[in-house]
N, C-alpha and C. Protein backbone atom coordinates (compact mmCIF):
# COMPACT_ATOMS: atom_id res chain seq x y z
N UNK A 1 74.10 -70.57 -34.99
CA UNK A 1 73.04 -69.79 -35.57
C UNK A 1 72.77 -70.33 -36.98
N UNK A 2 71.52 -70.51 -37.29
CA UNK A 2 71.18 -71.06 -38.59
C UNK A 2 70.97 -69.95 -39.61
N UNK A 3 71.03 -70.34 -40.85
CA UNK A 3 70.92 -69.40 -41.96
C UNK A 3 69.53 -69.50 -42.59
N UNK A 4 68.85 -68.37 -42.72
CA UNK A 4 67.53 -68.35 -43.36
C UNK A 4 67.71 -68.29 -44.85
N UNK A 5 66.91 -69.09 -45.56
CA UNK A 5 66.90 -69.07 -47.01
C UNK A 5 65.49 -68.68 -47.43
N UNK A 6 65.34 -67.99 -48.54
CA UNK A 6 64.03 -67.56 -49.00
C UNK A 6 63.01 -68.68 -48.98
N UNK A 7 61.91 -68.46 -48.30
CA UNK A 7 60.85 -69.46 -48.22
C UNK A 7 60.88 -70.29 -46.96
N UNK A 8 62.00 -70.28 -46.21
CA UNK A 8 62.02 -70.98 -44.93
C UNK A 8 60.97 -70.34 -44.03
N UNK A 9 60.45 -71.09 -43.08
CA UNK A 9 59.36 -70.56 -42.26
C UNK A 9 59.50 -70.99 -40.80
N UNK A 10 58.92 -70.18 -39.93
CA UNK A 10 58.93 -70.42 -38.49
C UNK A 10 57.59 -71.04 -38.11
N UNK A 11 57.63 -72.15 -37.40
CA UNK A 11 56.41 -72.83 -36.96
C UNK A 11 55.61 -71.93 -36.03
N UNK A 12 54.32 -71.83 -36.30
CA UNK A 12 53.44 -71.01 -35.48
C UNK A 12 53.15 -71.62 -34.12
N UNK A 13 53.46 -72.90 -33.95
CA UNK A 13 53.19 -73.57 -32.68
C UNK A 13 54.42 -73.64 -31.77
N UNK A 14 55.54 -74.14 -32.30
CA UNK A 14 56.71 -74.36 -31.43
C UNK A 14 57.89 -73.45 -31.75
N UNK A 15 57.74 -72.59 -32.76
CA UNK A 15 58.77 -71.62 -33.15
C UNK A 15 60.04 -72.27 -33.71
N UNK A 16 59.92 -73.47 -34.25
CA UNK A 16 61.06 -74.15 -34.89
C UNK A 16 61.23 -73.61 -36.31
N UNK A 17 62.47 -73.37 -36.73
CA UNK A 17 62.75 -72.92 -38.09
C UNK A 17 62.73 -74.12 -39.03
N UNK A 18 61.92 -74.05 -40.07
CA UNK A 18 61.76 -75.16 -41.02
C UNK A 18 62.20 -74.75 -42.41
N UNK A 19 62.65 -75.74 -43.18
CA UNK A 19 63.01 -75.49 -44.57
C UNK A 19 61.75 -75.25 -45.40
N UNK A 20 61.90 -74.52 -46.45
CA UNK A 20 60.82 -74.16 -47.36
C UNK A 20 60.03 -75.39 -47.82
N UNK A 21 60.70 -76.49 -48.09
CA UNK A 21 60.06 -77.69 -48.66
C UNK A 21 59.09 -78.38 -47.72
N UNK A 22 59.19 -78.16 -46.44
CA UNK A 22 58.33 -78.85 -45.47
C UNK A 22 56.91 -78.29 -45.48
N UNK A 23 55.93 -79.17 -45.43
CA UNK A 23 54.53 -78.75 -45.37
C UNK A 23 54.01 -78.76 -43.93
N UNK A 24 54.78 -79.39 -43.04
CA UNK A 24 54.47 -79.38 -41.61
C UNK A 24 55.78 -79.29 -40.85
N UNK A 25 55.71 -78.85 -39.61
CA UNK A 25 56.90 -78.63 -38.80
C UNK A 25 57.66 -79.92 -38.54
N UNK A 26 58.96 -79.85 -38.70
CA UNK A 26 59.83 -81.00 -38.45
C UNK A 26 59.78 -81.41 -36.98
N UNK A 27 59.65 -80.45 -36.09
CA UNK A 27 59.69 -80.74 -34.66
C UNK A 27 58.35 -81.22 -34.11
N UNK A 28 57.28 -80.48 -34.40
CA UNK A 28 56.01 -80.81 -33.75
C UNK A 28 54.90 -81.24 -34.70
N UNK A 29 55.11 -81.12 -36.01
CA UNK A 29 54.12 -81.58 -36.97
C UNK A 29 53.01 -80.59 -37.29
N UNK A 30 53.06 -79.38 -36.72
CA UNK A 30 52.02 -78.39 -36.97
C UNK A 30 52.08 -77.97 -38.44
N UNK A 31 50.92 -77.83 -39.11
CA UNK A 31 50.89 -77.48 -40.53
C UNK A 31 51.54 -76.13 -40.84
N UNK A 32 52.19 -76.05 -41.99
CA UNK A 32 52.87 -74.84 -42.44
C UNK A 32 51.93 -73.64 -42.52
N UNK A 33 50.74 -73.84 -43.02
CA UNK A 33 49.81 -72.72 -43.22
C UNK A 33 48.74 -72.65 -42.15
N UNK A 34 49.06 -73.10 -40.95
CA UNK A 34 48.13 -73.01 -39.84
C UNK A 34 47.25 -74.24 -39.73
N UNK A 35 46.63 -74.40 -38.60
CA UNK A 35 45.81 -75.55 -38.35
C UNK A 35 44.95 -75.31 -37.13
N UNK A 36 44.81 -76.32 -36.28
CA UNK A 36 44.00 -76.17 -35.08
C UNK A 36 44.60 -75.13 -34.13
N UNK A 37 43.82 -74.72 -33.15
CA UNK A 37 44.30 -73.78 -32.14
C UNK A 37 45.64 -74.27 -31.59
N UNK A 38 46.64 -73.39 -31.57
CA UNK A 38 48.00 -73.77 -31.18
C UNK A 38 48.05 -74.37 -29.78
N UNK A 39 47.41 -73.74 -28.79
CA UNK A 39 47.49 -74.26 -27.42
C UNK A 39 46.85 -75.64 -27.31
N UNK A 40 45.76 -75.86 -28.02
CA UNK A 40 45.12 -77.17 -28.02
C UNK A 40 46.00 -78.19 -28.71
N UNK A 41 46.60 -77.80 -29.84
CA UNK A 41 47.46 -78.70 -30.60
C UNK A 41 48.64 -79.17 -29.77
N UNK A 42 49.35 -78.23 -29.15
CA UNK A 42 50.53 -78.59 -28.36
C UNK A 42 50.16 -79.44 -27.15
N UNK A 43 49.02 -79.17 -26.54
CA UNK A 43 48.59 -79.93 -25.37
C UNK A 43 48.22 -81.36 -25.75
N UNK A 44 47.58 -81.54 -26.90
CA UNK A 44 47.08 -82.86 -27.31
C UNK A 44 48.10 -83.72 -28.04
N UNK A 45 49.27 -83.19 -28.35
CA UNK A 45 50.26 -83.96 -29.08
C UNK A 45 51.47 -84.27 -28.22
N UNK A 46 52.21 -85.27 -28.61
CA UNK A 46 53.35 -85.74 -27.83
C UNK A 46 54.52 -84.77 -27.83
N UNK A 47 54.42 -83.68 -28.59
CA UNK A 47 55.49 -82.69 -28.65
C UNK A 47 55.90 -82.24 -27.25
N UNK A 48 54.95 -81.99 -26.37
CA UNK A 48 55.25 -81.52 -25.02
C UNK A 48 55.62 -82.61 -24.04
N UNK A 49 55.43 -83.85 -24.40
CA UNK A 49 55.67 -84.93 -23.45
C UNK A 49 56.93 -85.72 -23.76
N UNK A 50 57.91 -85.08 -24.37
CA UNK A 50 59.16 -85.75 -24.71
C UNK A 50 59.89 -86.17 -23.43
N UNK A 51 60.50 -87.32 -23.49
CA UNK A 51 61.26 -87.84 -22.36
C UNK A 51 62.54 -87.03 -22.18
N UNK A 52 62.83 -86.64 -20.96
CA UNK A 52 64.05 -85.91 -20.66
C UNK A 52 65.11 -86.93 -20.27
N UNK A 53 66.27 -86.85 -20.93
CA UNK A 53 67.36 -87.79 -20.69
C UNK A 53 68.54 -87.08 -20.05
N UNK A 54 69.42 -87.85 -19.43
CA UNK A 54 70.61 -87.29 -18.81
C UNK A 54 71.40 -86.53 -19.87
N UNK A 55 71.83 -85.33 -19.57
CA UNK A 55 72.59 -84.52 -20.51
C UNK A 55 71.73 -83.59 -21.35
N UNK A 56 70.41 -83.74 -21.32
CA UNK A 56 69.52 -82.84 -22.05
C UNK A 56 69.59 -81.45 -21.42
N UNK A 57 69.28 -80.44 -22.21
CA UNK A 57 69.28 -79.07 -21.72
C UNK A 57 68.11 -78.33 -22.34
N UNK A 58 67.72 -77.23 -21.75
CA UNK A 58 66.59 -76.45 -22.22
C UNK A 58 67.09 -75.18 -22.92
N UNK A 59 66.65 -74.98 -24.13
CA UNK A 59 67.02 -73.81 -24.91
C UNK A 59 66.34 -72.56 -24.35
N UNK A 60 67.11 -71.50 -24.21
CA UNK A 60 66.55 -70.26 -23.69
C UNK A 60 66.33 -69.22 -24.79
N UNK A 61 66.66 -69.54 -26.02
CA UNK A 61 66.48 -68.61 -27.12
C UNK A 61 65.00 -68.40 -27.43
N UNK A 62 64.58 -67.19 -27.49
CA UNK A 62 63.19 -66.83 -27.85
C UNK A 62 62.16 -67.60 -27.02
N UNK A 63 62.46 -67.87 -25.76
CA UNK A 63 61.56 -68.63 -24.89
C UNK A 63 61.22 -69.98 -25.47
N UNK A 64 62.16 -70.59 -26.12
CA UNK A 64 61.97 -71.86 -26.83
C UNK A 64 61.66 -73.01 -25.89
N UNK A 65 62.46 -73.16 -24.85
CA UNK A 65 62.25 -74.26 -23.91
C UNK A 65 62.91 -75.52 -24.35
């Protein structure tokens, strides 16, 4: 479990927890203060098309995937 620090933020697109200093999501690149429609953004970016490798697993926390 990670520790929240004042100013840390949750990505509006992929629900990744980011440090305060980041201006865009570390995982998917979505802007900190919002951007294009989330469903369009995730569909048009490589975030959803990551290669699955042997030993990979899917996170079930908060419907993360």
